[in-house]
Amino acid sequence: MLTIGFIIIAMVVSITIAFYSNRGGSIENVLTTKSSSVYIEELFNPKDNWLAGETKQKELKFGNQGERSQVIRFRIETQWLNSDGELFKPITNTPVEIKWAEALAEEWSVFTDDDGWYYYENVLPVAGETAAIMEGVEFSTSLSNDRQVEDFTHTTYQIIVYMESLSVDSTITQAKWGKTFTEDEGLIWQD
Protein backbone atom coordinates (compact mmCIF):
# COMPACT_ATOMS: atom_id res chain seq x y z
CA MET A 1 0.00 0.00 0.00
CA LEU A 2 2.82 2.32 0.81
CA THR A 3 4.34 1.57 -2.58
CA ILE A 4 1.13 2.56 -4.37
CA GLY A 5 1.07 5.88 -2.48
CA PHE A 6 4.67 6.68 -3.57
CA ILE A 7 3.78 5.85 -7.20
CA ILE A 8 0.78 8.22 -7.09
CA ILE A 9 2.88 11.01 -5.52
CA ALA A 10 5.62 10.43 -8.13
CA MET A 11 3.04 10.69 -10.95
CA VAL A 12 1.61 13.93 -9.58
CA VAL A 13 5.08 15.40 -9.18
CA SER A 14 6.16 14.37 -12.70
CA ILE A 15 2.97 15.83 -14.21
CA THR A 16 3.59 19.05 -12.33
CA ILE A 17 7.20 19.14 -13.43
CA ALA A 18 6.21 18.50 -17.06
CA PHE A 19 4.14 21.73 -17.22
CA TYR A 20 6.01 24.53 -18.99
CA SER A 21 5.06 28.16 -19.47
CA ASN A 22 6.87 30.88 -21.35
CA ARG A 23 5.94 34.52 -21.68
CA GLY A 24 7.95 36.66 -23.99
CA GLY A 25 7.81 40.21 -25.25
CA SER A 26 6.02 41.34 -28.39
CA ILE A 27 7.55 42.18 -31.74
CA GLU A 28 6.17 45.06 -33.80
CA ASN A 29 5.92 44.34 -37.55
CA VAL A 30 5.39 47.45 -39.64
CA LEU A 31 4.32 46.86 -43.24
CA THR A 32 4.51 49.70 -45.73
CA THR A 33 2.86 49.61 -49.14
CA LYS A 34 3.12 51.95 -52.06
CA SER A 35 0.09 54.13 -52.66
CA SER A 36 -2.10 53.86 -55.72
CA SER A 37 -3.83 56.99 -56.87
CA VAL A 38 -5.61 57.13 -60.20
CA TYR A 39 -7.75 60.00 -61.44
CA ILE A 40 -10.27 61.05 -64.07
CA GLU A 41 -9.47 64.23 -65.97
CA GLU A 42 -12.18 66.14 -67.81
CA LEU A 43 -11.91 69.10 -70.13
CA PHE A 44 -15.40 70.61 -70.20
CA ASN A 45 -17.09 73.97 -69.66
CA PRO A 46 -20.46 73.36 -67.96
CA LYS A 47 -21.30 77.11 -68.11
CA ASP A 48 -21.23 77.10 -71.93
CA ASN A 49 -24.54 77.82 -73.69
CA TRP A 50 -25.91 74.63 -75.17
CA LEU A 51 -27.89 74.79 -78.39
CA ALA A 52 -29.72 72.03 -80.22
CA GLY A 53 -27.64 70.50 -83.02
CA GLU A 54 -24.36 71.66 -81.48
CA THR A 55 -21.40 69.52 -80.41
CA LYS A 56 -19.66 70.70 -77.26
CA GLN A 57 -16.17 69.73 -76.18
CA LYS A 58 -16.06 67.18 -73.37
CA GLU A 59 -12.72 65.39 -73.24
CA LEU A 60 -12.22 62.56 -70.80
CA LYS A 61 -9.03 60.65 -69.93
CA PHE A 62 -7.49 58.81 -67.00
CA GLY A 63 -4.16 59.13 -65.21
CA ASN A 64 -1.99 57.65 -62.48
CA GLN A 65 -0.38 59.87 -59.85
CA GLY A 66 0.34 57.02 -57.42
CA GLU A 67 3.51 55.10 -56.69
CA ARG A 68 2.66 51.88 -58.55
CA SER A 69 1.49 50.89 -62.01
CA GLN A 70 -2.20 49.96 -62.33
CA VAL A 71 -4.67 48.20 -64.60
CA ILE A 72 -7.87 50.19 -65.03
CA ARG A 73 -11.42 49.92 -66.27
CA PHE A 74 -14.29 52.39 -66.60
CA ARG A 75 -17.98 52.55 -67.42
CA ILE A 76 -20.49 55.36 -67.76
CA GLU A 77 -24.12 55.93 -66.91
CA THR A 78 -26.22 58.72 -68.36
CA GLN A 79 -29.38 60.30 -67.05
CA TRP A 80 -31.62 63.32 -67.47
CA LEU A 81 -32.79 65.32 -64.47
CA ASN A 82 -35.63 67.82 -64.36
CA SER A 83 -35.43 71.20 -62.60
CA ASP A 84 -36.26 69.52 -59.26
CA GLY A 85 -33.35 67.08 -59.61
CA GLU A 86 -35.65 64.14 -60.28
CA LEU A 87 -35.14 61.65 -63.10
CA PHE A 88 -36.58 62.83 -66.40
CA LYS A 89 -37.22 60.30 -69.21
CA PRO A 90 -37.17 61.94 -72.68
CA ILE A 91 -39.56 60.61 -75.29
CA THR A 92 -36.98 61.35 -77.99
CA ASN A 93 -34.97 58.20 -78.71
CA THR A 94 -31.49 59.70 -79.01
CA PRO A 95 -31.55 63.32 -77.85
CA VAL A 96 -27.81 63.24 -77.00
CA GLU A 97 -24.92 61.45 -78.67
CA ILE A 98 -21.56 61.00 -76.99
CA LYS A 99 -18.72 61.57 -79.44
CA TRP A 100 -16.13 58.92 -78.61
CA ALA A 101 -12.47 59.39 -79.52
CA GLU A 102 -10.68 56.87 -81.75
CA ALA A 103 -8.58 55.80 -78.76
CA LEU A 104 -11.62 54.08 -77.23
CA ALA A 105 -11.79 51.54 -80.07
CA GLU A 106 -8.01 51.28 -80.37
CA GLU A 107 -6.94 50.96 -76.71
CA TRP A 108 -9.90 49.55 -74.77
CA SER A 109 -11.66 46.16 -74.63
CA VAL A 110 -15.33 45.74 -73.83
CA PHE A 111 -17.28 42.56 -73.17
CA THR A 112 -20.90 42.52 -74.30
CA ASP A 113 -22.10 40.73 -71.15
CA ASP A 114 -20.22 42.93 -68.67
CA ASP A 115 -22.52 45.89 -67.89
CA GLY A 116 -20.52 48.25 -70.08
CA TRP A 117 -17.07 48.10 -68.46
CA TYR A 118 -14.17 49.07 -70.74
CA TYR A 119 -10.75 47.57 -69.91
CA TYR A 120 -7.57 49.49 -70.75
CA GLU A 121 -5.29 47.40 -72.96
CA ASN A 122 -2.11 48.81 -71.43
CA VAL A 123 -0.63 49.04 -67.98
CA LEU A 124 -1.14 52.58 -66.68
CA PRO A 125 2.34 53.46 -65.40
CA VAL A 126 3.23 55.86 -62.61
CA ALA A 127 2.76 59.44 -63.92
CA GLY A 128 1.07 58.04 -67.03
CA GLU A 129 -2.14 59.11 -68.75
CA THR A 130 -4.42 57.51 -71.28
CA ALA A 131 -5.37 59.18 -74.52
CA ALA A 132 -8.73 60.97 -74.42
CA ILE A 133 -11.58 58.50 -74.85
CA MET A 134 -14.35 61.08 -75.26
CA GLU A 135 -14.27 64.19 -77.44
CA GLY A 136 -17.64 65.78 -77.01
CA VAL A 137 -21.40 65.64 -76.68
CA GLU A 138 -23.79 66.43 -79.53
CA PHE A 139 -27.29 67.59 -78.77
CA SER A 140 -29.92 66.58 -81.30
CA THR A 141 -31.95 69.19 -83.15
CA SER A 142 -34.98 67.58 -81.48
CA LEU A 143 -33.88 69.28 -78.24
CA SER A 144 -35.43 72.55 -79.27
CA ASN A 145 -37.29 74.64 -76.76
CA ASP A 146 -39.00 76.41 -79.66
CA ARG A 147 -40.66 73.42 -81.28
CA GLN A 148 -42.64 71.72 -78.53
CA VAL A 149 -42.05 68.12 -79.57
CA GLU A 150 -40.39 67.90 -76.18
CA ASP A 151 -39.39 70.69 -73.84
CA PHE A 152 -35.89 70.41 -72.36
CA THR A 153 -35.99 73.76 -70.56
CA HIS A 154 -34.28 73.51 -67.17
CA THR A 155 -33.25 69.87 -67.66
CA THR A 156 -29.79 68.50 -67.05
CA TYR A 157 -28.01 65.69 -68.87
CA GLN A 158 -25.49 63.89 -66.68
CA ILE A 159 -22.68 61.57 -67.74
CA ILE A 160 -21.50 59.69 -64.67
CA VAL A 161 -18.08 58.03 -65.03
CA TYR A 162 -16.99 55.13 -62.83
CA MET A 163 -13.33 54.10 -62.81
CA GLU A 164 -11.60 51.28 -60.97
CA SER A 165 -7.95 50.30 -60.71
CA LEU A 166 -6.06 47.28 -59.41
CA SER A 167 -2.46 46.18 -59.09
CA VAL A 168 -0.98 44.67 -62.24
CA ASP A 169 -1.74 41.06 -61.32
CA SER A 170 -4.11 38.84 -63.33
CA THR A 171 -4.91 36.76 -60.22
CA ILE A 172 -6.25 39.90 -58.52
CA THR A 173 -8.23 41.03 -61.58
CA GLN A 174 -9.75 37.55 -61.87
CA ALA A 175 -10.81 37.62 -58.21
CA LYS A 176 -12.15 41.22 -58.24
CA TRP A 177 -13.40 41.74 -61.80
CA GLY A 178 -13.89 38.21 -63.13
CA LYS A 179 -11.41 38.99 -65.93
CA THR A 180 -7.81 38.01 -66.47
CA PHE A 181 -5.17 39.26 -68.86
CA THR A 182 -1.97 38.23 -70.55
CA GLU A 183 0.82 40.63 -71.44
CA ASP A 184 2.10 40.75 -75.01
CA GLU A 185 2.97 44.31 -76.08
CA GLY A 186 0.00 45.42 -74.04
CA LEU A 187 -2.76 43.64 -72.16
CA ILE A 188 -5.03 41.07 -73.75
CA TRP A 189 -8.18 40.83 -71.62
CA GLN A 190 -10.27 37.67 -71.40
CA ASP A 191 -13.06 36.12 -69.32
Foldseek 3Di string as FASTA:
>chain_A
DVVVVVVVVVVVVVVVVPDDDDDDDDDDDDDDDWDWDKDKDWDADPVDDDDAQDKGWIWIKMATQTDFWKWKKKFKDKFKAALVRHTDDDPDDDQKDWAFDPCQVVAWDDDPPQNGMITGQATRGHGRMGGTGTTTMHGHNVADCVDPPDDCPRMDMDMGMDMDIDHQDQVVCCVPVVWGWDDDPTTDIDD
